[in-house]
Amino acid sequence: MRWLTPLQGIAGRIAAAALFVAGVAVAVLGVGVLVVGASIFERLMVEHGQTAADARVMFDTAVGMVFVTAAVVAAVVAILLAALLARRLARPLDRIGRAARRVAGGDYATRVPREGPEELSSLADSFNQMAESLESQEHLRREFIANAAHELRTPLTNLQGYLEALRAGVVPAESATFESLAEEVDRMVRLSRGLDALAEGDLATPPPALAELDLADAIRSAVDMAMPAMERGQLAVELDVPARLRARANPDQLAQVLSNLLQNAIRYTPPGGLITVAAAARAGSILVTVANTGEGIPVADLPHIFERFYRVEKSRDRARGGAGIGLAIVKQLVEARGGRVGADSSEGLTRVWFSLPS
């Protein structure tokens, strides 16, 4: 089998290295015993009345045979130890190799056990972490595609129905009909822009340049831009920001973060409700908070609201026009610049915040 080749190579190299070490040891011992030892033995025997020939025979019989036997035993032991060591190393490597081929074939649930020396156990841990990450990424990819297809399918189906009804004369070609068509088109445009923003953030491109700016002024500008939507929704707004608040950020990305948070608050604040935007400097960071009155977010949903396409009470959110990617964009843009995002919600009040390094 093809996968045996590298294992046989490892075993062969280990056995060759063991035999080489054993051979060097035998050679050194041989020189010491058979050459130096034989000369000393022969001299001592001659001094005690034996001939040199007799001394040589006695030495070969007593020492030479023992030495040869010891050398053979040493070689056999070296081979056995090398085989055991090679097997101990080869088995986990073989499992990791087969597991890697299964992962390459799409089986991301594959894991390998920790076994062998610490180095191989560490390799198994790294492999399992990689497989877990790939499994998670594959799950997110499939979920992303399914959600994106669903979000596009809904307005396209509505558009198709309206157009067929207009063509058949079932629906009159009046202002209200075209407003409904425009709403569906706007929804697809927003979704497309959101997907573009997420895709740009996923690309390994250099981050946009940061600039010194007045965060308080940026917040006031974002609120001014959102004011028409607030007035249409009969919403009140309250600002709690200092006169000036210096920060380092990318102006375009900061404007997008603030716009997404305000749009999210407007969408889920009932008529007559209040939106509060606050900002304050902290030790080493700047905290910006957008809070709104209205129906709170269930505790079980809070950890997931920054995930792509995640929506609380999905049918309700779809009716309000949300695609579930606004907060995901906020999280991506803020964390890419070393900041943090979070949210908390209690009965009647929801607060979404982000912090940036000062």
Protein backbone atom coordinates (compact mmCIF):
# COMPACT_ATOMS: atom_id res chain seq x y z
CA MET A 1 0.00 0.00 0.00
CA ARG A 2 1.19 3.49 -0.86
CA TRP A 3 0.81 4.90 2.68
CA LEU A 4 3.28 2.32 4.05
CA THR A 5 6.20 3.83 2.14
CA PRO A 6 6.91 6.78 4.49
CA LEU A 7 6.49 4.56 7.54
CA GLN A 8 8.90 2.00 6.17
CA GLY A 9 11.29 4.85 5.44
CA ILE A 10 11.10 6.05 9.05
CA ALA A 11 11.57 2.52 10.39
CA GLY A 12 14.47 1.90 8.05
CA ARG A 13 16.21 5.13 9.02
CA ILE A 14 15.75 4.43 12.73
CA ALA A 15 17.07 0.88 12.32
CA ALA A 16 20.03 2.11 10.26
CA ALA A 17 20.85 4.75 12.86
CA ALA A 18 20.66 2.18 15.68
CA LEU A 19 22.86 -0.25 13.79
CA PHE A 20 25.34 2.52 13.01
CA VAL A 21 25.59 3.47 16.69
CA ALA A 22 25.93 -0.18 17.67
CA GLY A 23 28.56 -0.67 14.98
CA VAL A 24 30.62 2.30 16.21
CA ALA A 25 30.41 1.01 19.77
CA VAL A 26 31.46 -2.50 18.69
CA ALA A 27 34.31 -1.05 16.63
CA VAL A 28 35.63 1.01 19.54
CA LEU A 29 35.28 -1.94 21.88
CA GLY A 30 36.88 -4.24 19.31
CA VAL A 31 39.92 -2.03 18.94
CA GLY A 32 40.27 -1.83 22.69
CA VAL A 33 39.79 -5.52 23.36
CA LEU A 34 41.09 -7.35 20.27
CA VAL A 35 44.10 -5.15 19.60
CA VAL A 36 45.18 -3.43 22.81
CA GLY A 37 43.79 -6.11 25.13
CA ALA A 38 45.33 -8.93 23.08
CA SER A 39 48.78 -7.31 23.19
CA ILE A 40 48.62 -6.84 26.97
CA PHE A 41 47.30 -10.39 27.48
CA GLU A 42 50.04 -11.86 25.32
CA ARG A 43 52.80 -9.94 27.15
CA LEU A 44 51.52 -11.02 30.55
CA MET A 45 51.27 -14.67 29.53
CA VAL A 46 54.81 -14.68 28.13
CA GLU A 47 56.08 -13.16 31.37
CA HIS A 48 54.52 -16.11 33.20
CA GLY A 49 56.18 -18.74 31.06
CA GLN A 50 53.70 -19.22 28.20
CA THR A 51 54.62 -18.99 24.55
CA ALA A 52 53.18 -16.26 22.37
CA ALA A 53 51.29 -18.84 20.25
CA ASP A 54 49.69 -20.41 23.29
CA ALA A 55 48.76 -17.00 24.62
CA ARG A 56 47.11 -16.10 21.29
CA VAL A 57 45.08 -19.32 21.29
CA MET A 58 43.99 -18.80 24.86
CA PHE A 59 42.96 -15.22 24.14
CA ASP A 60 41.00 -16.12 21.01
CA THR A 61 39.22 -18.89 22.85
CA ALA A 62 38.43 -16.97 26.02
CA VAL A 63 37.88 -13.44 24.77
CA GLY A 64 37.40 -13.48 21.02
CA MET A 65 34.44 -15.82 21.07
CA VAL A 66 32.79 -13.87 23.87
CA PHE A 67 33.35 -10.62 22.00
CA VAL A 68 31.83 -11.95 18.76
CA THR A 69 28.83 -13.27 20.66
CA ALA A 70 28.40 -9.96 22.45
CA ALA A 71 28.60 -8.09 19.14
CA VAL A 72 25.92 -10.29 17.59
CA VAL A 73 23.68 -9.89 20.63
CA ALA A 74 24.21 -6.10 20.55
CA ALA A 75 23.21 -5.96 16.88
CA VAL A 76 20.07 -8.04 17.47
CA VAL A 77 19.06 -5.91 20.47
CA ALA A 78 19.67 -2.73 18.46
CA ILE A 79 17.43 -3.97 15.66
CA LEU A 80 14.67 -4.98 18.09
CA LEU A 81 14.80 -1.65 19.92
CA ALA A 82 14.78 0.19 16.60
CA ALA A 83 11.77 -1.82 15.45
CA LEU A 84 9.86 -1.08 18.68
CA LEU A 85 10.72 2.62 18.52
CA ALA A 86 9.80 2.82 14.85
CA ARG A 87 6.48 1.13 15.52
CA ARG A 88 5.73 3.51 18.38
CA LEU A 89 6.45 6.49 16.15
CA ALA A 90 4.89 5.08 13.00
CA ARG A 91 1.50 4.16 14.45
CA PRO A 92 0.39 7.69 15.46
CA LEU A 93 1.93 9.14 12.31
CA ASP A 94 0.03 6.60 10.26
CA ARG A 95 -3.24 7.54 11.98
CA ILE A 96 -2.61 11.25 11.50
CA GLY A 97 -1.79 10.67 7.83
CA ARG A 98 -4.98 8.69 7.22
CA ALA A 99 -7.00 11.26 9.19
CA ALA A 100 -5.51 14.07 7.08
CA ARG A 101 -6.62 12.29 3.91
CA ARG A 102 -10.15 11.93 5.32
CA VAL A 103 -10.23 15.65 6.15
CA ALA A 104 -8.99 16.46 2.65
CA GLY A 105 -11.89 14.36 1.37
CA GLY A 106 -14.41 16.46 3.31
CA ASP A 107 -14.77 14.46 6.53
CA TYR A 108 -14.16 17.36 8.93
CA ALA A 109 -15.41 15.41 11.95
CA THR A 110 -12.25 13.26 11.90
CA ARG A 111 -10.14 13.35 15.06
CA VAL A 112 -7.00 11.47 16.14
CA PRO A 113 -6.18 10.20 19.65
CA ARG A 114 -3.26 11.51 21.69
CA GLU A 115 -0.58 8.83 21.84
CA GLY A 116 3.16 8.36 21.58
CA PRO A 117 5.85 10.78 22.75
CA GLU A 118 4.95 14.31 23.79
CA GLU A 119 5.92 15.69 20.38
CA LEU A 120 3.50 13.36 18.60
CA SER A 121 0.77 14.09 21.16
CA SER A 122 1.26 17.80 20.48
CA LEU A 123 1.02 17.10 16.74
CA ALA A 124 -2.26 15.23 17.35
CA ASP A 125 -3.61 18.19 19.35
CA SER A 126 -2.68 20.59 16.55
CA PHE A 127 -4.32 18.33 13.97
CA ASN A 128 -7.52 18.10 16.02
CA GLN A 129 -7.61 21.88 16.43
CA MET A 130 -7.18 22.31 12.69
CA ALA A 131 -9.93 19.78 11.93
CA GLU A 132 -12.26 21.46 14.42
CA SER A 133 -11.59 24.85 12.86
CA LEU A 134 -12.21 23.48 9.36
CA GLU A 135 -15.43 21.84 10.52
CA SER A 136 -16.61 25.11 12.03
CA GLN A 137 -15.70 27.07 8.89
CA GLU A 138 -17.49 24.56 6.68
CA HIS A 139 -20.59 24.80 8.86
CA LEU A 140 -20.49 28.61 8.67
CA ARG A 141 -19.97 28.48 4.90
CA ARG A 142 -22.97 26.23 4.32
CA GLU A 143 -25.12 28.24 6.69
CA PHE A 144 -24.02 31.48 5.02
CA ILE A 145 -24.89 30.21 1.53
CA ALA A 146 -28.25 28.85 2.68
CA ASN A 147 -29.17 32.07 4.48
CA ALA A 148 -28.02 34.29 1.63
CA ALA A 149 -30.02 32.24 -0.85
CA HIS A 150 -33.08 32.45 1.39
CA GLU A 151 -32.76 36.20 1.87
CA LEU A 152 -32.49 36.72 -1.89
CA ARG A 153 -35.28 34.25 -2.67
CA THR A 154 -37.90 36.11 -0.61
CA PRO A 155 -37.75 39.52 -2.36
CA LEU A 156 -37.22 37.88 -5.76
CA THR A 157 -40.32 35.75 -5.25
CA ASN A 158 -42.29 38.84 -4.26
CA LEU A 159 -41.02 40.74 -7.28
CA GLN A 160 -41.87 37.85 -9.56
CA GLY A 161 -45.39 37.66 -8.13
CA TYR A 162 -45.99 41.38 -8.51
CA LEU A 163 -44.66 41.44 -12.08
CA GLU A 164 -46.76 38.46 -13.13
CA ALA A 165 -49.82 40.04 -11.53
CA LEU A 166 -49.13 43.33 -13.31
CA ARG A 167 -48.68 41.55 -16.63
CA ALA A 168 -51.95 39.63 -16.15
CA GLY A 169 -53.78 42.79 -15.07
CA VAL A 170 -54.68 41.31 -11.68
CA VAL A 171 -52.88 44.08 -9.80
CA PRO A 172 -53.39 47.67 -10.97
CA ALA A 173 -50.32 49.64 -12.03
CA GLU A 174 -50.69 52.31 -9.40
CA SER A 175 -48.38 54.13 -6.99
CA ALA A 176 -48.84 51.69 -4.09
CA THR A 177 -47.83 48.75 -6.29
CA PHE A 178 -44.66 50.44 -7.45
CA GLU A 179 -43.83 51.41 -3.87
CA SER A 180 -44.05 47.73 -2.88
CA LEU A 181 -41.78 46.80 -5.78
CA ALA A 182 -39.33 49.53 -4.75
CA GLU A 183 -39.28 48.21 -1.17
CA GLU A 184 -38.32 44.74 -2.38
CA VAL A 185 -35.59 46.19 -4.61
CA ASP A 186 -34.26 48.30 -1.73
CA ARG A 187 -34.16 45.20 0.43
CA MET A 188 -32.03 43.36 -2.12
CA VAL A 189 -29.76 46.38 -2.45
CA ARG A 190 -29.22 46.49 1.32
CA LEU A 191 -28.51 42.78 1.41
CA SER A 192 -26.06 43.09 -1.48
CA ARG A 193 -24.20 45.94 0.22
CA GLY A 194 -24.08 44.00 3.49
CA LEU A 195 -22.66 40.95 1.75
CA ASP A 196 -20.07 43.13 0.04
CA ALA A 197 -19.00 44.55 3.40
CA LEU A 198 -18.69 41.09 4.94
CA ALA A 199 -16.73 39.79 1.94
CA GLU A 200 -14.34 42.73 2.05
CA GLY A 201 -13.71 42.09 5.73
CA ASP A 202 -13.00 38.39 5.07
CA LEU A 203 -10.36 39.17 2.44
CA ALA A 204 -6.74 39.25 3.62
CA THR A 205 -6.25 42.87 2.56
CA PRO A 206 -4.28 45.52 4.42
CA PRO A 207 -6.48 47.39 6.91
CA PRO A 208 -7.57 50.91 5.93
CA ALA A 209 -5.48 53.72 7.34
CA LEU A 210 -6.51 55.13 10.70
CA ALA A 211 -6.85 58.85 11.28
CA GLU A 212 -7.19 61.16 14.24
CA LEU A 213 -10.82 62.28 14.44
CA ASP A 214 -13.42 63.68 16.79
CA LEU A 215 -15.62 60.72 17.72
CA ALA A 216 -18.25 62.99 19.29
CA ASP A 217 -18.64 64.88 16.02
CA ALA A 218 -18.87 61.58 14.08
CA ILE A 219 -21.67 60.41 16.40
CA ARG A 220 -23.60 63.65 15.97
CA SER A 221 -23.25 63.41 12.19
CA ALA A 222 -24.53 59.80 12.20
CA VAL A 223 -27.53 60.81 14.33
CA ASP A 224 -28.30 63.69 11.95
CA MET A 225 -28.24 61.28 9.01
CA ALA A 226 -30.65 58.93 10.82
CA MET A 227 -32.97 61.71 12.00
CA PRO A 228 -35.47 61.46 9.08
CA ALA A 229 -36.00 57.75 9.79
CA MET A 230 -36.47 58.52 13.49
CA GLU A 231 -39.02 61.19 12.72
CA ARG A 232 -40.96 58.82 10.45
CA GLY A 233 -41.01 56.30 13.28
CA GLN A 234 -42.05 58.95 15.80
CA LEU A 235 -38.94 58.24 17.88
CA ALA A 236 -37.12 60.52 20.29
CA VAL A 237 -33.33 60.60 20.47
CA GLU A 238 -31.06 61.55 23.34
CA LEU A 239 -27.33 62.25 23.03
CA ASP A 240 -24.90 61.85 25.92
CA VAL A 241 -21.51 62.62 24.42
CA PRO A 242 -18.80 65.11 25.44
CA ALA A 243 -18.10 68.20 23.39
CA ARG A 244 -14.96 66.57 21.97
CA LEU A 245 -13.70 63.01 22.08
CA ARG A 246 -10.47 62.30 20.26
CA ALA A 247 -10.00 58.82 18.78
CA ARG A 248 -8.07 56.94 16.10
CA ALA A 249 -10.31 55.19 13.58
CA ASN A 250 -11.08 54.86 9.92
CA PRO A 251 -13.76 57.50 9.18
CA ASP A 252 -15.69 55.42 6.61
CA GLN A 253 -15.76 52.30 8.75
CA LEU A 254 -16.72 54.25 11.87
CA ALA A 255 -19.59 55.87 9.96
CA GLN A 256 -20.78 52.43 8.83
CA VAL A 257 -20.62 51.03 12.38
CA LEU A 258 -22.64 53.95 13.79
CA SER A 259 -25.13 53.81 10.92
CA ASN A 260 -25.72 50.07 11.38
CA LEU A 261 -26.26 50.44 15.13
CA LEU A 262 -28.68 53.33 14.67
CA GLN A 263 -30.61 51.51 11.92
CA ASN A 264 -30.86 48.47 14.16
CA ALA A 265 -32.18 50.59 17.04
CA ILE A 266 -34.69 52.37 14.79
CA ARG A 267 -35.98 49.07 13.43
CA TYR A 268 -36.80 47.64 16.84
CA THR A 269 -37.99 50.73 18.70
CA PRO A 270 -41.78 51.08 18.79
CA PRO A 271 -43.45 54.42 17.92
CA GLY A 272 -43.00 56.90 20.75
CA GLY A 273 -39.88 55.11 21.97
CA LEU A 274 -36.50 56.55 22.86
CA ILE A 275 -33.02 55.95 21.38
CA THR A 276 -30.04 56.99 23.50
CA VAL A 277 -26.53 57.35 22.09
CA ALA A 278 -23.70 57.76 24.59
CA ALA A 279 -19.91 57.87 24.43
CA ALA A 280 -17.25 58.20 27.10
CA ALA A 281 -13.49 57.83 27.46
CA ARG A 282 -12.20 55.02 29.67
CA ALA A 283 -8.77 53.82 30.68
CA GLY A 284 -7.15 52.82 27.39
CA SER A 285 -10.39 52.75 25.38
CA ILE A 286 -13.48 54.66 24.28
CA LEU A 287 -16.95 53.18 24.86
CA VAL A 288 -19.88 53.97 22.55
CA THR A 289 -23.39 52.79 23.45
CA VAL A 290 -26.63 52.78 21.44
CA ALA A 291 -29.67 51.92 23.57
CA ASN A 292 -33.34 51.74 22.62
CA THR A 293 -36.60 51.15 24.43
CA GLY A 294 -38.95 48.41 23.33
CA GLU A 295 -39.15 44.67 23.38
CA GLY A 296 -36.01 43.15 24.89
CA ILE A 297 -33.81 40.37 23.50
CA PRO A 298 -34.15 36.96 25.17
CA VAL A 299 -31.12 35.94 27.21
CA ALA A 300 -30.59 32.83 25.09
CA ASP A 301 -30.32 34.95 21.93
CA LEU A 302 -27.91 37.60 23.25
CA PRO A 303 -24.67 35.64 22.59
CA HIS A 304 -25.71 35.12 18.95
CA ILE A 305 -26.94 38.52 17.76
CA PHE A 306 -23.55 39.38 16.21
CA GLU A 307 -23.53 36.21 14.10
CA ARG A 308 -24.22 36.45 10.39
CA PHE A 309 -27.91 36.13 9.47
CA TYR A 310 -28.91 35.48 13.08
CA ARG A 311 -32.22 37.06 13.94
CA VAL A 312 -34.41 37.01 17.02
CA GLU A 313 -37.93 35.87 16.14
CA LYS A 314 -37.01 35.50 12.50
CA SER A 315 -40.45 36.05 10.99
CA ARG A 316 -40.81 39.33 12.94
CA ASP A 317 -37.35 40.56 11.87
CA ARG A 318 -38.00 39.75 8.23
CA ALA A 319 -41.18 41.76 8.36
CA ARG A 320 -39.20 44.72 9.67
CA GLY A 321 -36.69 44.45 6.85
CA GLY A 322 -33.68 43.07 8.69
CA ALA A 323 -31.39 40.55 7.02
CA GLY A 324 -29.39 39.72 10.14
CA ILE A 325 -26.01 41.01 8.95
CA GLY A 326 -25.89 44.59 10.25
CA LEU A 327 -24.51 43.65 13.66
CA ALA A 328 -22.20 41.06 12.07
CA ILE A 329 -20.63 43.89 10.04
CA VAL A 330 -20.28 45.97 13.22
CA LYS A 331 -18.49 43.12 14.99
CA GLN A 332 -16.19 42.50 12.04
CA LEU A 333 -15.18 46.13 11.57
CA VAL A 334 -14.69 46.85 15.28
CA GLU A 335 -12.73 43.70 16.15
CA ALA A 336 -10.52 44.12 13.08
CA ARG A 337 -9.24 47.34 14.68
CA GLY A 338 -8.63 45.80 18.09
CA GLY A 339 -11.97 46.80 19.63
CA ARG A 340 -14.77 44.82 21.28
CA VAL A 341 -18.54 44.60 20.88
CA GLY A 342 -21.29 43.48 23.21
CA ALA A 343 -24.94 43.76 24.09
CA ASP A 344 -27.26 43.45 27.07
CA SER A 345 -31.01 43.59 27.32
CA SER A 346 -33.58 43.80 30.06
CA GLU A 347 -37.31 44.27 30.00
CA GLY A 348 -38.01 47.35 27.95
CA LEU A 349 -34.38 48.32 27.17
CA THR A 350 -31.71 46.97 24.81
CA ARG A 351 -28.15 48.27 24.81
CA VAL A 352 -25.54 47.55 22.11
CA TRP A 353 -22.01 48.84 22.63
CA PHE A 354 -18.56 48.83 21.11
CA SER A 355 -15.18 49.98 22.38
CA LEU A 356 -12.14 51.21 20.48
CA PRO A 357 -8.55 51.53 21.71
CA SER A 358 -7.84 55.13 22.57
